[in-house]
Amino acid sequence: MDWRAYIHSDPQVLLGKPVVRGTRLAVEFILRLFAAGWSDQQVLESYPSLTREALQAVFAFSAECMAEESLYAMPKSGA
């Protein structure tokens, strides 16, 4: 999936955070909805300007960003 058709960054919108094109919905915000347990159906119903393709693009963009980053040291659990 080529996420570039769906995700963009504009310094005039949300301080340049990556957003779904044509919205003010940041990629980070959408990912946090999923992290909080929302389903794709809940997200699409709550934000009708989004499409399934746009959601797929959010994940494709995020995966590509993670692939370009260095290995992260994960904190050890408090056990």
PDB file of N, CA and C in Angstrom:
ATOM      1  N   MET A   1       0.853  -1.187   0.000  1.00  0.00           N
ATOM      2  CA  MET A   1       0.000   0.000   0.000  1.00  0.00           C
ATOM      3  C   MET A   1       0.887   1.234   0.000  1.00  0.00           C
ATOM      4  N   ASP A   2       0.599   2.151  -0.888  1.00  0.00           N
ATOM      5  CA  ASP A   2       1.325   3.419  -0.921  1.00  0.00           C
ATOM      6  C   ASP A   2       0.570   4.420  -0.043  1.00  0.00           C
ATOM      7  N   TRP A   3       1.056   4.613   1.164  1.00  0.00           N
ATOM      8  CA  TRP A   3       0.380   5.474   2.126  1.00  0.00           C
ATOM      9  C   TRP A   3       0.436   6.945   1.736  1.00  0.00           C
ATOM     10  N   ARG A   4       1.329   7.301   0.814  1.00  0.00           N
ATOM     11  CA  ARG A   4       1.513   8.711   0.455  1.00  0.00           C
ATOM     12  C   ARG A   4       0.257   9.374  -0.118  1.00  0.00           C
ATOM     13  N   ALA A   5      -0.637   8.591  -0.658  1.00  0.00           N
ATOM     14  CA  ALA A   5      -1.883   9.144  -1.181  1.00  0.00           C
ATOM     15  C   ALA A   5      -2.853   9.512  -0.059  1.00  0.00           C
ATOM     16  N   TYR A   6      -2.591   9.016   1.157  1.00  0.00           N
ATOM     17  CA  TYR A   6      -3.524   9.199   2.271  1.00  0.00           C
ATOM     18  C   TYR A   6      -2.967   9.987   3.449  1.00  0.00           C
ATOM     19  N   ILE A   7      -1.659   9.984   3.618  1.00  0.00           N
ATOM     20  CA  ILE A   7      -1.033  10.617   4.783  1.00  0.00           C
ATOM     21  C   ILE A   7      -0.147  11.765   4.307  1.00  0.00           C
ATOM     22  N   HIS A   8      -0.255  12.900   4.978  1.00  0.00           N
ATOM     23  CA  HIS A   8       0.632  14.013   4.636  1.00  0.00           C
ATOM     24  C   HIS A   8       0.897  14.863   5.861  1.00  0.00           C
ATOM     25  N   SER A   9       1.838  15.766   5.708  1.00  0.00           N
ATOM     26  CA  SER A   9       2.228  16.660   6.790  1.00  0.00           C
ATOM     27  C   SER A   9       2.260  18.082   6.250  1.00  0.00           C
ATOM     28  N   ASP A  10       1.653  18.976   6.996  1.00  0.00           N
ATOM     29  CA  ASP A  10       1.608  20.383   6.617  1.00  0.00           C
ATOM     30  C   ASP A  10       1.889  21.198   7.879  1.00  0.00           C
ATOM     31  N   PRO A  11       2.912  22.046   7.866  1.00  0.00           N
ATOM     32  CA  PRO A  11       3.232  22.832   9.068  1.00  0.00           C
ATOM     33  C   PRO A  11       2.055  23.665   9.573  1.00  0.00           C
ATOM     34  N   GLN A  12       1.076  23.941   8.725  1.00  0.00           N
ATOM     35  CA  GLN A  12      -0.087  24.734   9.116  1.00  0.00           C
ATOM     36  C   GLN A  12      -1.196  23.892   9.759  1.00  0.00           C
ATOM     37  N   VAL A  13      -1.028  22.573   9.762  1.00  0.00           N
ATOM     38  CA  VAL A  13      -2.047  21.677  10.324  1.00  0.00           C
ATOM     39  C   VAL A  13      -1.407  20.852  11.434  1.00  0.00           C
ATOM     40  N   LEU A  14      -1.921  21.005  12.652  1.00  0.00           N
ATOM     41  CA  LEU A  14      -1.436  20.262  13.818  1.00  0.00           C
ATOM     42  C   LEU A  14       0.087  20.309  13.962  1.00  0.00           C
ATOM     43  N   LEU A  15       0.640  21.477  13.721  1.00  0.00           N
ATOM     44  CA  LEU A  15       2.083  21.704  13.866  1.00  0.00           C
ATOM     45  C   LEU A  15       2.927  20.759  13.023  1.00  0.00           C
ATOM     46  N   GLY A  16       2.366  20.308  11.903  1.00  0.00           N
ATOM     47  CA  GLY A  16       3.119  19.459  10.994  1.00  0.00           C
ATOM     48  C   GLY A  16       3.065  17.976  11.292  1.00  0.00           C
ATOM     49  N   LYS A  17       2.261  17.564  12.279  1.00  0.00           N
ATOM     50  CA  LYS A  17       2.124  16.124  12.540  1.00  0.00           C
ATOM     51  C   LYS A  17       1.534  15.453  11.309  1.00  0.00           C
ATOM     52  N   PRO A  18       1.916  14.210  11.044  1.00  0.00           N
ATOM     53  CA  PRO A  18       1.298  13.485   9.924  1.00  0.00           C
ATOM     54  C   PRO A  18      -0.191  13.265  10.203  1.00  0.00           C
ATOM     55  N   VAL A  19      -1.013  13.601   9.227  1.00  0.00           N
ATOM     56  CA  VAL A  19      -2.462  13.457   9.344  1.00  0.00           C
ATOM     57  C   VAL A  19      -3.006  12.718   8.130  1.00  0.00           C
ATOM     58  N   VAL A  20      -4.233  12.231   8.271  1.00  0.00           N
ATOM     59  CA  VAL A  20      -4.936  11.670   7.128  1.00  0.00           C
ATOM     60  C   VAL A  20      -5.345  12.829   6.245  1.00  0.00           C
ATOM     61  N   ARG A  21      -4.977  12.742   4.984  1.00  0.00           N
ATOM     62  CA  ARG A  21      -5.239  13.819   4.028  1.00  0.00           C
ATOM     63  C   ARG A  21      -6.724  14.210   4.040  1.00  0.00           C
ATOM     64  N   GLY A  22      -6.975  15.504   4.069  1.00  0.00           N
ATOM     65  CA  GLY A  22      -8.340  16.020   4.057  1.00  0.00           C
ATOM     66  C   GLY A  22      -8.996  16.064   5.426  1.00  0.00           C
ATOM     67  N   THR A  23      -8.227  15.702   6.476  1.00  0.00           N
ATOM     68  CA  THR A  23      -8.760  15.749   7.842  1.00  0.00           C
ATOM     69  C   THR A  23      -7.738  16.423   8.743  1.00  0.00           C
ATOM     70  N   ARG A  24      -8.123  16.579   9.991  1.00  0.00           N
ATOM     71  CA  ARG A  24      -7.186  17.026  11.020  1.00  0.00           C
ATOM     72  C   ARG A  24      -6.948  15.879  11.996  1.00  0.00           C
ATOM     73  N   LEU A  25      -7.101  14.651  11.514  1.00  0.00           N
ATOM     74  CA  LEU A  25      -6.909  13.463  12.341  1.00  0.00           C
ATOM     75  C   LEU A  25      -5.461  12.985  12.202  1.00  0.00           C
ATOM     76  N   ALA A  26      -4.711  13.140  13.282  1.00  0.00           N
ATOM     77  CA  ALA A  26      -3.304  12.752  13.270  1.00  0.00           C
ATOM     78  C   ALA A  26      -3.164  11.235  13.287  1.00  0.00           C
ATOM     79  N   VAL A  27      -2.133  10.755  12.622  1.00  0.00           N
ATOM     80  CA  VAL A  27      -1.812   9.327  12.640  1.00  0.00           C
ATOM     81  C   VAL A  27      -1.679   8.865  14.084  1.00  0.00           C
ATOM     82  N   GLU A  28      -0.983   9.637  14.892  1.00  0.00           N
ATOM     83  CA  GLU A  28      -0.790   9.302  16.305  1.00  0.00           C
ATOM     84  C   GLU A  28      -2.135   9.129  17.015  1.00  0.00           C
ATOM     85  N   PHE A  29      -3.071  10.023  16.787  1.00  0.00           N
ATOM     86  CA  PHE A  29      -4.384   9.960  17.416  1.00  0.00           C
ATOM     87  C   PHE A  29      -5.113   8.666  17.038  1.00  0.00           C
ATOM     88  N   ILE A  30      -5.077   8.331  15.768  1.00  0.00           N
ATOM     89  CA  ILE A  30      -5.757   7.121  15.304  1.00  0.00           C
ATOM     90  C   ILE A  30      -5.114   5.879  15.914  1.00  0.00           C
ATOM     91  N   LEU A  31      -3.792   5.842  15.958  1.00  0.00           N
ATOM     92  CA  LEU A  31      -3.110   4.710  16.581  1.00  0.00           C
ATOM     93  C   LEU A  31      -3.472   4.589  18.058  1.00  0.00           C
ATOM     94  N   ARG A  32      -3.602   5.711  18.738  1.00  0.00           N
ATOM     95  CA  ARG A  32      -3.980   5.673  20.156  1.00  0.00           C
ATOM     96  C   ARG A  32      -5.399   5.144  20.352  1.00  0.00           C
ATOM     97  N   LEU A  33      -6.284   5.420  19.407  1.00  0.00           N
ATOM     98  CA  LEU A  33      -7.630   4.841  19.494  1.00  0.00           C
ATOM     99  C   LEU A  33      -7.550   3.324  19.466  1.00  0.00           C
ATOM    100  N   PHE A  34      -6.767   2.791  18.537  1.00  0.00           N
ATOM    101  CA  PHE A  34      -6.605   1.340  18.454  1.00  0.00           C
ATOM    102  C   PHE A  34      -5.920   0.792  19.703  1.00  0.00           C
ATOM    103  N   ALA A  35      -4.934   1.504  20.216  1.00  0.00           N
ATOM    104  CA  ALA A  35      -4.242   1.065  21.425  1.00  0.00           C
ATOM    105  C   ALA A  35      -5.190   1.037  22.628  1.00  0.00           C
ATOM    106  N   ALA A  36      -6.206   1.895  22.594  1.00  0.00           N
ATOM    107  CA  ALA A  36      -7.190   1.935  23.676  1.00  0.00           C
ATOM    108  C   ALA A  36      -8.281   0.881  23.504  1.00  0.00           C
ATOM    109  N   GLY A  37      -8.196   0.103  22.433  1.00  0.00           N
ATOM    110  CA  GLY A  37      -9.139  -0.986  22.254  1.00  0.00           C
ATOM    111  C   GLY A  37     -10.253  -0.748  21.250  1.00  0.00           C
ATOM    112  N   TRP A  38     -10.221   0.381  20.563  1.00  0.00           N
ATOM    113  CA  TRP A  38     -11.256   0.646  19.560  1.00  0.00           C
ATOM    114  C   TRP A  38     -11.091  -0.327  18.400  1.00  0.00           C
ATOM    115  N   SER A  39     -12.200  -0.705  17.803  1.00  0.00           N
ATOM    116  CA  SER A  39     -12.165  -1.535  16.596  1.00  0.00           C
ATOM    117  C   SER A  39     -12.158  -0.632  15.372  1.00  0.00           C
ATOM    118  N   ASP A  40     -11.812  -1.221  14.230  1.00  0.00           N
ATOM    119  CA  ASP A  40     -11.852  -0.411  13.005  1.00  0.00           C
ATOM    120  C   ASP A  40     -13.269   0.081  12.742  1.00  0.00           C
ATOM    121  N   GLN A  41     -14.263  -0.715  13.064  1.00  0.00           N
ATOM    122  CA  GLN A  41     -15.649  -0.302  12.867  1.00  0.00           C
ATOM    123  C   GLN A  41     -15.992   0.906  13.743  1.00  0.00           C
ATOM    124  N   GLN A  42     -15.547   0.893  14.999  1.00  0.00           N
ATOM    125  CA  GLN A  42     -15.798   2.033  15.883  1.00  0.00           C
ATOM    126  C   GLN A  42     -15.130   3.302  15.361  1.00  0.00           C
ATOM    127  N   VAL A  43     -13.909   3.173  14.897  1.00  0.00           N
ATOM    128  CA  VAL A  43     -13.186   4.338  14.377  1.00  0.00           C
ATOM    129  C   VAL A  43     -13.900   4.886  13.145  1.00  0.00           C
ATOM    130  N   LEU A  44     -14.256   4.001  12.227  1.00  0.00           N
ATOM    131  CA  LEU A  44     -14.910   4.447  10.987  1.00  0.00           C
ATOM    132  C   LEU A  44     -16.282   5.061  11.256  1.00  0.00           C
ATOM    133  N   GLU A  45     -17.018   4.525  12.213  1.00  0.00           N
ATOM    134  CA  GLU A  45     -18.331   5.091  12.551  1.00  0.00           C
ATOM    135  C   GLU A  45     -18.199   6.439  13.251  1.00  0.00           C
ATOM    136  N   SER A  46     -17.173   6.581  14.083  1.00  0.00           N
ATOM    137  CA  SER A  46     -16.985   7.827  14.825  1.00  0.00           C
ATOM    138  C   SER A  46     -16.380   8.941  13.974  1.00  0.00           C
ATOM    139  N   TYR A  47     -15.637   8.559  12.950  1.00  0.00           N
ATOM    140  CA  TYR A  47     -14.976   9.531  12.071  1.00  0.00           C
ATOM    141  C   TYR A  47     -15.318   9.179  10.622  1.00  0.00           C
ATOM    142  N   PRO A  48     -16.509   9.559  10.171  1.00  0.00           N
ATOM    143  CA  PRO A  48     -16.980   9.152   8.837  1.00  0.00           C
ATOM    144  C   PRO A  48     -16.147   9.678   7.675  1.00  0.00           C
ATOM    145  N   SER A  49     -15.259  10.636   7.923  1.00  0.00           N
ATOM    146  CA  SER A  49     -14.396  11.109   6.841  1.00  0.00           C
ATOM    147  C   SER A  49     -13.272  10.114   6.550  1.00  0.00           C
ATOM    148  N   LEU A  50     -13.063   9.150   7.439  1.00  0.00           N
ATOM    149  CA  LEU A  50     -12.043   8.123   7.227  1.00  0.00           C
ATOM    150  C   LEU A  50     -12.586   6.982   6.378  1.00  0.00           C
ATOM    151  N   THR A  51     -11.700   6.324   5.672  1.00  0.00           N
ATOM    152  CA  THR A  51     -12.051   5.139   4.895  1.00  0.00           C
ATOM    153  C   THR A  51     -11.181   3.979   5.380  1.00  0.00           C
ATOM    154  N   ARG A  52     -11.562   2.777   4.999  1.00  0.00           N
ATOM    155  CA  ARG A  52     -10.742   1.609   5.338  1.00  0.00           C
ATOM    156  C   ARG A  52      -9.340   1.752   4.742  1.00  0.00           C
ATOM    157  N   GLU A  53      -9.265   2.310   3.531  1.00  0.00           N
ATOM    158  CA  GLU A  53      -7.970   2.510   2.888  1.00  0.00           C
ATOM    159  C   GLU A  53      -7.115   3.493   3.679  1.00  0.00           C
ATOM    160  N   ALA A  54      -7.748   4.538   4.223  1.00  0.00           N
ATOM    161  CA  ALA A  54      -7.003   5.508   5.025  1.00  0.00           C
ATOM    162  C   ALA A  54      -6.471   4.852   6.293  1.00  0.00           C
ATOM    163  N   LEU A  55      -7.267   3.986   6.915  1.00  0.00           N
ATOM    164  CA  LEU A  55      -6.794   3.274   8.104  1.00  0.00           C
ATOM    165  C   LEU A  55      -5.630   2.360   7.752  1.00  0.00           C
ATOM    166  N   GLN A  56      -5.730   1.685   6.637  1.00  0.00           N
ATOM    167  CA  GLN A  56      -4.637   0.824   6.189  1.00  0.00           C
ATOM    168  C   GLN A  56      -3.378   1.669   5.964  1.00  0.00           C
ATOM    169  N   ALA A  57      -3.556   2.853   5.416  1.00  0.00           N
ATOM    170  CA  ALA A  57      -2.427   3.751   5.177  1.00  0.00           C
ATOM    171  C   ALA A  57      -1.787   4.203   6.485  1.00  0.00           C
ATOM    172  N   VAL A  58      -2.594   4.414   7.526  1.00  0.00           N
ATOM    173  CA  VAL A  58      -2.051   4.783   8.834  1.00  0.00           C
ATOM    174  C   VAL A  58      -1.083   3.712   9.314  1.00  0.00           C
ATOM    175  N   PHE A  59      -1.485   2.439   9.174  1.00  0.00           N
ATOM    176  CA  PHE A  59      -0.621   1.349   9.623  1.00  0.00           C
ATOM    177  C   PHE A  59       0.591   1.182   8.713  1.00  0.00           C
ATOM    178  N   ALA A  60       0.405   1.352   7.418  1.00  0.00           N
ATOM    179  CA  ALA A  60       1.535   1.242   6.490  1.00  0.00           C
ATOM    180  C   ALA A  60       2.560   2.338   6.765  1.00  0.00           C
ATOM    181  N   PHE A  61       2.091   3.554   6.982  1.00  0.00           N
ATOM    182  CA  PHE A  61       2.975   4.678   7.315  1.00  0.00           C
ATOM    183  C   PHE A  61       3.729   4.394   8.601  1.00  0.00           C
ATOM    184  N   SER A  62       3.018   3.940   9.626  1.00  0.00           N
ATOM    185  CA  SER A  62       3.628   3.660  10.919  1.00  0.00           C
ATOM    186  C   SER A  62       4.671   2.556  10.812  1.00  0.00           C
ATOM    187  N   ALA A  63       4.357   1.510  10.065  1.00  0.00           N
ATOM    188  CA  ALA A  63       5.305   0.405   9.888  1.00  0.00           C
ATOM    189  C   ALA A  63       6.570   0.891   9.186  1.00  0.00           C
ATOM    190  N   GLU A  64       6.396   1.723   8.176  1.00  0.00           N
ATOM    191  CA  GLU A  64       7.567   2.243   7.466  1.00  0.00           C
ATOM    192  C   GLU A  64       8.411   3.131   8.368  1.00  0.00           C
ATOM    193  N   CYS A  65       7.758   3.949   9.181  1.00  0.00           N
ATOM    194  CA  CYS A  65       8.502   4.801  10.118  1.00  0.00           C
ATOM    195  C   CYS A  65       9.288   3.953  11.109  1.00  0.00           C
ATOM    196  N   MET A  66       8.679   2.905  11.624  1.00  0.00           N
ATOM    197  CA  MET A  66       9.356   2.035  12.588  1.00  0.00           C
ATOM    198  C   MET A  66      10.520   1.301  11.935  1.00  0.00           C
ATOM    199  N   ALA A  67      10.377   0.921  10.693  1.00  0.00           N
ATOM    200  CA  ALA A  67      11.437   0.201   9.991  1.00  0.00           C
ATOM    201  C   ALA A  67      12.670   1.081   9.798  1.00  0.00           C
ATOM    202  N   GLU A  68      12.471   2.386   9.752  1.00  0.00           N
ATOM    203  CA  GLU A  68      13.569   3.309   9.540  1.00  0.00           C
ATOM    204  C   GLU A  68      14.260   3.716  10.837  1.00  0.00           C
ATOM    205  N   GLU A  69      13.696   3.344  11.986  1.00  0.00           N
ATOM    206  CA  GLU A  69      14.248   3.736  13.278  1.00  0.00           C
ATOM    207  C   GLU A  69      15.262   2.725  13.783  1.00  0.00           C
ATOM    208  N   SER A  70      16.051   3.161  14.731  1.00  0.00           N
ATOM    209  CA  SER A  70      17.013   2.282  15.384  1.00  0.00           C
ATOM    210  C   SER A  70      16.291   1.387  16.376  1.00  0.00           C
ATOM    211  N   LEU A  71      16.966   0.369  16.827  1.00  0.00           N
ATOM    212  CA  LEU A  71      16.424  -0.526  17.829  1.00  0.00           C
ATOM    213  C   LEU A  71      16.167   0.249  19.115  1.00  0.00           C
ATOM    214  N   TYR A  72      15.011   0.059  19.705  1.00  0.00           N
ATOM    215  CA  TYR A  72      14.661   0.730  20.944  1.00  0.00           C
ATOM    216  C   TYR A  72      14.971  -0.193  22.124  1.00  0.00           C
ATOM    217  N   ALA A  73      15.548   0.348  23.167  1.00  0.00           N
ATOM    218  CA  ALA A  73      15.747  -0.405  24.396  1.00  0.00           C
ATOM    219  C   ALA A  73      14.447  -0.322  25.187  1.00  0.00           C
ATOM    220  N   MET A  74      13.843  -1.465  25.435  1.00  0.00           N
ATOM    221  CA  MET A  74      12.579  -1.509  26.173  1.00  0.00           C
ATOM    222  C   MET A  74      12.865  -1.538  27.656  1.00  0.00           C
ATOM    223  N   PRO A  75      12.114  -0.767  28.449  1.00  0.00           N
ATOM    224  CA  PRO A  75      12.339  -0.769  29.902  1.00  0.00           C
ATOM    225  C   PRO A  75      11.984  -2.139  30.478  1.00  0.00           C
ATOM    226  N   LYS A  76      12.751  -2.554  31.478  1.00  0.00           N
ATOM    227  CA  LYS A  76      12.470  -3.822  32.135  1.00  0.00           C
ATOM    228  C   LYS A  76      11.264  -3.649  33.045  1.00  0.00           C
ATOM    229  N   SER A  77      10.504  -4.727  33.215  1.00  0.00           N
ATOM    230  CA  SER A  77       9.352  -4.666  34.112  1.00  0.00           C
ATOM    231  C   SER A  77       9.852  -4.545  35.557  1.00  0.00           C
ATOM    232  N   GLY A  78       9.004  -4.051  36.424  1.00  0.00           N
ATOM    233  CA  GLY A  78       9.381  -3.778  37.810  1.00  0.00           C
ATOM    234  C   GLY A  78       9.482  -5.007  38.681  1.00  0.00           C
ATOM    235  N   ALA A  79       9.578  -6.193  38.122  1.00  0.00           N
ATOM    236  CA  ALA A  79       9.622  -7.415  38.938  1.00  0.00           C
ATOM    237  C   ALA A  79      10.942  -7.634  39.610  1.00  0.00           C
TER     238      ALA A  79
END
